[in-house]
C-alpha atoms as a PDB file:
ATOM      1  CA  UNK A   1      10.612 -38.628 -46.201  1.00  0.00           C
ATOM      2  CA  UNK A   2       7.404 -39.953 -44.640  1.00  0.00           C
ATOM      3  CA  UNK A   3       4.585 -41.085 -46.900  1.00  0.00           C
ATOM      4  CA  UNK A   4       2.222 -38.647 -45.247  1.00  0.00           C
ATOM      5  CA  UNK A   5       2.614 -35.574 -43.135  1.00  0.00           C
ATOM      6  CA  UNK A   6       0.498 -35.228 -40.016  1.00  0.00           C
ATOM      7  CA  UNK A   7      -1.426 -31.980 -39.866  1.00  0.00           C
ATOM      8  CA  UNK A   8      -2.828 -30.413 -36.757  1.00  0.00           C
ATOM      9  CA  UNK A   9      -6.564 -29.566 -36.717  1.00  0.00           C
ATOM     10  CA  UNK A  10      -5.954 -25.890 -37.516  1.00  0.00           C
ATOM     11  CA  UNK A  11      -3.861 -26.813 -40.561  1.00  0.00           C
ATOM     12  CA  UNK A  12      -6.550 -29.235 -41.722  1.00  0.00           C
ATOM     13  CA  UNK A  13      -9.214 -26.550 -41.334  1.00  0.00           C
ATOM     14  CA  UNK A  14      -7.096 -24.006 -43.229  1.00  0.00           C
ATOM     15  CA  UNK A  15      -6.470 -26.491 -46.029  1.00  0.00           C
ATOM     16  CA  UNK A  16     -10.164 -27.397 -46.254  1.00  0.00           C
ATOM     17  CA  UNK A  17     -11.036 -23.698 -46.518  1.00  0.00           C
ATOM     18  CA  UNK A  18      -8.384 -23.143 -49.192  1.00  0.00           C
ATOM     19  CA  UNK A  19      -9.533 -26.135 -51.210  1.00  0.00           C
ATOM     20  CA  UNK A  20     -13.196 -25.186 -50.760  1.00  0.00           C
ATOM     21  CA  UNK A  21     -12.515 -21.703 -52.126  1.00  0.00           C
ATOM     22  CA  UNK A  22     -10.607 -23.190 -55.035  1.00  0.00           C
ATOM     23  CA  UNK A  23     -13.431 -25.668 -55.616  1.00  0.00           C
ATOM     24  CA  UNK A  24     -15.938 -22.809 -55.741  1.00  0.00           C
ATOM     25  CA  UNK A  25     -13.807 -20.934 -58.264  1.00  0.00           C
ATOM     26  CA  UNK A  26     -13.304 -24.003 -60.429  1.00  0.00           C
ATOM     27  CA  UNK A  27     -17.035 -24.800 -60.264  1.00  0.00           C
ATOM     28  CA  UNK A  28     -17.719 -21.345 -61.676  1.00  0.00           C
ATOM     29  CA  UNK A  29     -15.048 -21.958 -64.338  1.00  0.00           C
ATOM     30  CA  UNK A  30     -16.770 -25.224 -65.236  1.00  0.00           C
ATOM     31  CA  UNK A  31     -20.143 -23.519 -65.546  1.00  0.00           C
ATOM     32  CA  UNK A  32     -18.655 -21.016 -67.988  1.00  0.00           C
ATOM     33  CA  UNK A  33     -16.735 -23.722 -69.853  1.00  0.00           C
ATOM     34  CA  UNK A  34     -19.748 -25.950 -70.446  1.00  0.00           C
ATOM     35  CA  UNK A  35     -21.744 -22.933 -71.588  1.00  0.00           C
ATOM     36  CA  UNK A  36     -19.009 -22.012 -74.090  1.00  0.00           C
ATOM     37  CA  UNK A  37     -18.906 -25.626 -75.270  1.00  0.00           C
ATOM     38  CA  UNK A  38     -22.683 -25.691 -75.737  1.00  0.00           C
ATOM     39  CA  UNK A  39     -22.619 -22.409 -77.643  1.00  0.00           C
ATOM     40  CA  UNK A  40     -19.757 -23.663 -79.821  1.00  0.00           C
ATOM     41  CA  UNK A  41     -21.657 -26.876 -80.531  1.00  0.00           C
ATOM     42  CA  UNK A  42     -24.757 -24.894 -81.511  1.00  0.00           C
ATOM     43  CA  UNK A  43     -22.719 -22.665 -83.851  1.00  0.00           C
ATOM     44  CA  UNK A  44     -21.044 -25.704 -85.394  1.00  0.00           C
ATOM     45  CA  UNK A  45     -24.315 -27.572 -85.941  1.00  0.00           C
ATOM     46  CA  UNK A  46     -26.036 -24.489 -87.353  1.00  0.00           C
ATOM     47  CA  UNK A  47     -23.151 -23.801 -89.721  1.00  0.00           C
ATOM     48  CA  UNK A  48     -23.010 -27.482 -90.756  1.00  0.00           C
ATOM     49  CA  UNK A  49     -26.713 -27.548 -91.557  1.00  0.00           C
ATOM     50  CA  UNK A  50     -26.486 -24.282 -93.479  1.00  0.00           C
ATOM     51  CA  UNK A  51     -23.510 -25.471 -95.505  1.00  0.00           C
ATOM     52  CA  UNK A  52     -25.157 -28.836 -96.171  1.00  0.00           C
ATOM     53  CA  UNK A  53     -28.161 -27.073 -97.665  1.00  0.00           C
ATOM     54  CA  UNK A  54     -25.824 -24.930 -99.784  1.00  0.00           C
ATOM     55  CA  UNK A  55     -23.934 -28.026-100.963  1.00  0.00           C
ATOM     56  CA  UNK A  56     -27.162 -29.821-101.850  1.00  0.00           C
ATOM     57  CA  UNK A  57     -28.354 -26.785-103.824  1.00  0.00           C
ATOM     58  CA  UNK A  58     -24.982 -26.323-105.548  1.00  0.00           C
ATOM     59  CA  UNK A  59     -24.776 -29.939-106.655  1.00  0.00           C
ATOM     60  CA  UNK A  60     -28.462 -30.398-107.497  1.00  0.00           C
ATOM     61  CA  UNK A  61     -28.800 -32.503-110.612  1.00  0.00           C
ATOM     62  CA  UNK A  62     -25.335 -34.020-110.209  1.00  0.00           C
ATOM     63  CA  UNK A  63     -24.462 -37.329-108.699  1.00  0.00           C
ATOM     64  CA  UNK A  64     -22.618 -36.757-105.448  1.00  0.00           C
ATOM     65  CA  UNK A  65     -22.292 -39.292-102.703  1.00  0.00           C
ATOM     66  CA  UNK A  66     -23.176 -38.667 -99.089  1.00  0.00           C
ATOM     67  CA  UNK A  67     -19.461 -38.802 -98.270  1.00  0.00           C
ATOM     68  CA  UNK A  68     -18.707 -36.110-100.862  1.00  0.00           C
ATOM     69  CA  UNK A  69     -21.386 -33.821 -99.439  1.00  0.00           C
ATOM     70  CA  UNK A  70     -20.122 -34.469 -95.904  1.00  0.00           C
ATOM     71  CA  UNK A  71     -16.572 -33.673 -97.030  1.00  0.00           C
ATOM     72  CA  UNK A  72     -17.709 -30.312 -98.443  1.00  0.00           C
ATOM     73  CA  UNK A  73     -19.479 -29.553 -95.168  1.00  0.00           C
ATOM     74  CA  UNK A  74     -16.466 -30.561 -93.059  1.00  0.00           C
ATOM     75  CA  UNK A  75     -14.118 -28.395 -95.113  1.00  0.00           C
ATOM     76  CA  UNK A  76     -16.423 -25.402 -94.800  1.00  0.00           C
ATOM     77  CA  UNK A  77     -16.990 -25.839 -91.047  1.00  0.00           C
ATOM     78  CA  UNK A  78     -13.476 -26.710 -89.898  1.00  0.00           C
ATOM     79  CA  UNK A  79     -13.105 -23.574 -87.756  1.00  0.00           C
ATOM     80  CA  UNK A  80     -16.433 -24.078 -85.994  1.00  0.00           C
ATOM     81  CA  UNK A  81     -15.719 -27.766 -85.448  1.00  0.00           C
ATOM     82  CA  UNK A  82     -12.262 -27.006 -84.041  1.00  0.00           C
ATOM     83  CA  UNK A  83     -13.673 -24.384 -81.652  1.00  0.00           C
ATOM     84  CA  UNK A  84     -16.316 -26.862 -80.490  1.00  0.00           C
ATOM     85  CA  UNK A  85     -13.734 -29.599 -79.860  1.00  0.00           C
ATOM     86  CA  UNK A  86     -11.425 -27.225 -77.969  1.00  0.00           C
ATOM     87  CA  UNK A  87     -14.241 -25.856 -75.801  1.00  0.00           C
ATOM     88  CA  UNK A  88     -15.455 -29.383 -75.048  1.00  0.00           C
ATOM     89  CA  UNK A  89     -11.933 -30.502 -74.100  1.00  0.00           C
ATOM     90  CA  UNK A  90     -11.527 -27.448 -71.871  1.00  0.00           C
ATOM     91  CA  UNK A  91     -14.786 -28.216 -70.066  1.00  0.00           C
ATOM     92  CA  UNK A  92     -13.696 -31.825 -69.584  1.00  0.00           C
ATOM     93  CA  UNK A  93     -10.352 -30.674 -68.161  1.00  0.00           C
ATOM     94  CA  UNK A  94     -12.023 -28.325 -65.687  1.00  0.00           C
ATOM     95  CA  UNK A  95     -14.393 -31.116 -64.629  1.00  0.00           C
ATOM     96  CA  UNK A  96     -11.414 -33.406 -63.957  1.00  0.00           C
ATOM     97  CA  UNK A  97      -9.820 -30.663 -61.852  1.00  0.00           C
ATOM     98  CA  UNK A  98     -13.043 -30.439 -59.834  1.00  0.00           C
ATOM     99  CA  UNK A  99     -12.963 -34.181 -59.227  1.00  0.00           C
ATOM    100  CA  UNK A 100      -9.351 -33.946 -58.044  1.00  0.00           C
ATOM    101  CA  UNK A 101     -10.194 -31.093 -55.677  1.00  0.00           C
ATOM    102  CA  UNK A 102     -13.105 -33.033 -54.211  1.00  0.00           C
ATOM    103  CA  UNK A 103     -10.816 -36.011 -53.668  1.00  0.00           C
ATOM    104  CA  UNK A 104      -8.299 -33.792 -51.870  1.00  0.00           C
ATOM    105  CA  UNK A 105     -11.003 -32.417 -49.593  1.00  0.00           C
ATOM    106  CA  UNK A 106     -12.278 -35.934 -48.894  1.00  0.00           C
ATOM    107  CA  UNK A 107      -8.744 -37.038 -48.035  1.00  0.00           C
ATOM    108  CA  UNK A 108      -8.541 -34.436 -45.297  1.00  0.00           C
END
């Protein structure tokens, strides 16, 4: 099998149009994904700050280390942190797909 297949100009044009449409769709997906990631990060940070204040108030007058307070916060915000990490990974994946599509278009 040859390393590359020669395409006629009409096939190249059709492929560029197909990839361009896909690129437009994936760009929209990326816009939504980074928005979800930003919203998830904001929820996580807000929840972390709220829980930290609760932990400080709960343990006022006791000797707790910074690591102990951080552990309480992490336990209480696991769901928000997980959602943030997943949304960030999804956005990164969509961005990589965009890069691959651009490379395919450039190759034509």
